Structure formats: C-alpha cells, structure tokens
Amino acid sequence: MLKVIKNEREYEAALARVYELMQLDLVDDSPESDELDVLALFVEAYEHKHYPIAAPTPIEAITFRLEQLGKEKSELAKILGTRSRQSEILSGKRKLSLDMIRKLHAVLHIPAESLIAAY
C-alpha cells in the first residue's frame, strides 16, 4: 500500500522499491508503472523537505552554464568586455553590474534570478 513518506526508514524502503521497479520493463499505465510514478512523487517531496539543495551563487551559475555549453571561461571575457573583468568576477573581487547581468542572461541564457542573488 502506498503512503506518504514520514521518516528515514520509510524513505529508504521507498528508494529500494523504486529501484526494484526501475529494473522491470514496465508498460505504461500498468499498476507497477503507476506505483513507480506515485513513489517518485513521494520520494521527491521527502527529499525536497529533508535534503534541500541551495541555489547556486551567481559565480557557480556562470561557471556551470559555461561548462554545460562546452565553453571555456575565456568566453566570459568576450561577453563582459575584458579578461581582467572576467577574472575579477570569477574570483569574487567584483560584483556583477546590472548591465553584466543583462548580457549574461541574453548570451548564456542564465536565469536572471540566478545572477542577482547575493554572494
């Protein structure tokens, strides 16, 4: 019987069952497929509450996006204007200006809310 996960023991049991179900060749709309969908929602809700993931700092967001796009950090200098500015931003010596945030958002498609966070 499916139920909301309330403690670590139930969470571990749910993860084990999710793993078992994922090993099967499930058919859409089967009872097992439905069970997996519901368990995944319960696991996600439990993890969201008990294992929250902090939002990245603007520098982490920029670095991650460059890696994701397969670009070198030197690409940042092209966007921001100079290599020294790139270095200052990535080292945390200089904060992003509104103009820089707009450029990074437009060129790298980094969400603006990730770039305006305090760091």
Protein backbone atom coordinates (compact mmCIF):
# COMPACT_ATOMS: atom_id res chain seq x y z
CA MET A 1 0.00 0.00 0.00
CA LEU A 2 1.34 3.43 -0.93
CA LYS A 3 1.58 6.15 1.69
CA VAL A 4 3.36 9.43 2.30
CA ILE A 5 6.97 9.03 3.45
CA LYS A 6 7.33 10.28 7.01
CA ASN A 7 10.76 9.12 8.18
CA GLU A 8 14.16 7.91 7.02
CA ARG A 9 13.24 4.23 7.31
CA GLU A 10 10.22 4.70 5.03
CA TYR A 11 12.35 6.80 2.67
CA GLU A 12 14.96 4.03 2.36
CA ALA A 13 12.23 1.44 1.76
CA ALA A 14 10.67 3.64 -0.92
CA LEU A 15 14.04 4.07 -2.65
CA ALA A 16 14.56 0.31 -2.62
CA ARG A 17 11.12 -0.23 -4.16
CA VAL A 18 11.76 2.45 -6.79
CA TYR A 19 14.99 0.66 -7.70
CA GLU A 20 13.16 -2.69 -7.99
CA LEU A 21 10.51 -1.16 -10.24
CA MET A 22 13.09 0.55 -12.42
CA GLN A 23 14.71 -2.81 -13.12
CA LEU A 24 11.49 -4.05 -14.75
CA ASP A 25 10.41 -3.49 -18.32
CA LEU A 26 7.33 -1.51 -17.31
CA VAL A 27 4.37 -0.93 -19.57
CA ASP A 28 2.67 2.48 -19.44
CA ASP A 29 -0.49 2.61 -17.33
CA SER A 30 0.29 -0.71 -15.66
CA PRO A 31 -0.15 -0.98 -11.87
CA GLU A 32 3.65 -1.14 -11.46
CA SER A 33 4.16 1.91 -13.67
CA ASP A 34 1.58 3.83 -11.66
CA GLU A 35 3.23 2.70 -8.42
CA LEU A 36 6.60 3.98 -9.66
CA ASP A 37 5.07 7.35 -10.60
CA VAL A 38 3.46 7.79 -7.18
CA LEU A 39 6.55 6.61 -5.29
CA ALA A 40 8.70 9.04 -7.28
CA LEU A 41 6.41 11.89 -6.19
CA PHE A 42 6.59 10.82 -2.54
CA VAL A 43 10.39 10.47 -2.68
CA GLU A 44 10.73 13.87 -4.34
CA ALA A 45 8.54 15.53 -1.70
CA TYR A 46 10.50 13.92 1.14
CA GLU A 47 13.85 14.91 -0.38
CA HIS A 48 12.66 18.47 -1.01
CA LYS A 49 11.76 18.81 2.66
CA HIS A 50 14.68 16.92 4.26
CA TYR A 51 17.52 17.39 1.75
CA PRO A 52 17.05 20.85 0.22
CA ILE A 53 19.56 21.95 -2.40
CA ALA A 54 20.75 25.51 -2.08
CA ALA A 55 20.51 27.74 -5.13
CA PRO A 56 23.87 28.36 -6.81
CA THR A 57 25.73 31.62 -6.35
CA PRO A 58 25.95 33.80 -9.46
CA ILE A 59 29.56 32.65 -9.98
CA GLU A 60 28.54 28.99 -9.70
CA ALA A 61 25.69 29.59 -12.14
CA ILE A 62 28.03 31.21 -14.67
CA THR A 63 30.68 28.50 -14.32
CA PHE A 64 28.11 25.72 -14.60
CA ARG A 65 26.49 27.25 -17.68
CA LEU A 66 29.86 27.67 -19.42
CA GLU A 67 30.68 24.01 -18.68
CA GLN A 68 27.23 22.96 -19.85
CA LEU A 69 27.77 24.74 -23.16
CA GLY A 70 31.30 23.34 -23.52
CA LYS A 71 32.80 26.83 -23.44
CA GLU A 72 35.99 27.98 -21.78
CA LYS A 73 35.96 30.61 -19.04
CA SER A 74 37.66 32.92 -21.53
CA GLU A 75 34.29 33.21 -23.29
CA LEU A 76 33.21 35.31 -20.34
CA ALA A 77 35.75 37.98 -21.31
CA LYS A 78 34.08 38.26 -24.72
CA ILE A 79 30.70 38.79 -23.07
CA LEU A 80 31.84 41.18 -20.35
CA GLY A 81 34.43 43.10 -22.35
CA THR A 82 37.83 42.39 -20.84
CA ARG A 83 39.83 39.50 -19.47
CA SER A 84 40.57 41.37 -16.25
CA ARG A 85 36.84 41.87 -15.66
CA GLN A 86 36.28 38.14 -16.23
CA SER A 87 38.97 37.34 -13.67
CA GLU A 88 37.57 39.81 -11.13
CA ILE A 89 34.05 38.40 -11.49
CA LEU A 90 35.09 34.74 -11.21
CA SER A 91 37.34 35.44 -8.22
CA GLY A 92 34.57 37.35 -6.44
CA LYS A 93 36.56 40.60 -6.33
CA ARG A 94 33.97 42.37 -8.45
CA LYS A 95 30.19 42.07 -8.28
CA LEU A 96 28.03 41.78 -11.36
CA SER A 97 26.52 45.03 -12.57
CA LEU A 98 23.01 45.26 -13.98
CA ASP A 99 24.47 45.57 -17.49
CA MET A 100 26.61 42.43 -16.96
CA ILE A 101 23.58 40.53 -15.67
CA ARG A 102 21.60 41.52 -18.75
CA LYS A 103 24.42 40.43 -21.08
CA LEU A 104 24.92 37.08 -19.32
CA HIS A 105 21.20 36.44 -19.39
CA ALA A 106 20.94 37.32 -23.09
CA VAL A 107 24.03 35.46 -24.29
CA LEU A 108 24.27 32.45 -21.96
CA HIS A 109 20.54 32.24 -21.11
CA ILE A 110 21.24 32.08 -17.39
CA PRO A 111 18.06 32.93 -15.45
CA ALA A 112 18.29 36.49 -14.15
CA GLU A 113 17.21 35.36 -10.66
CA SER A 114 20.36 33.21 -10.51
CA LEU A 115 22.54 36.18 -11.39
CA ILE A 116 21.03 38.71 -8.97
CA ALA A 117 21.40 36.55 -5.86
CA ALA A 118 23.65 37.84 -3.07
CA TYR A 119 27.14 36.34 -2.90
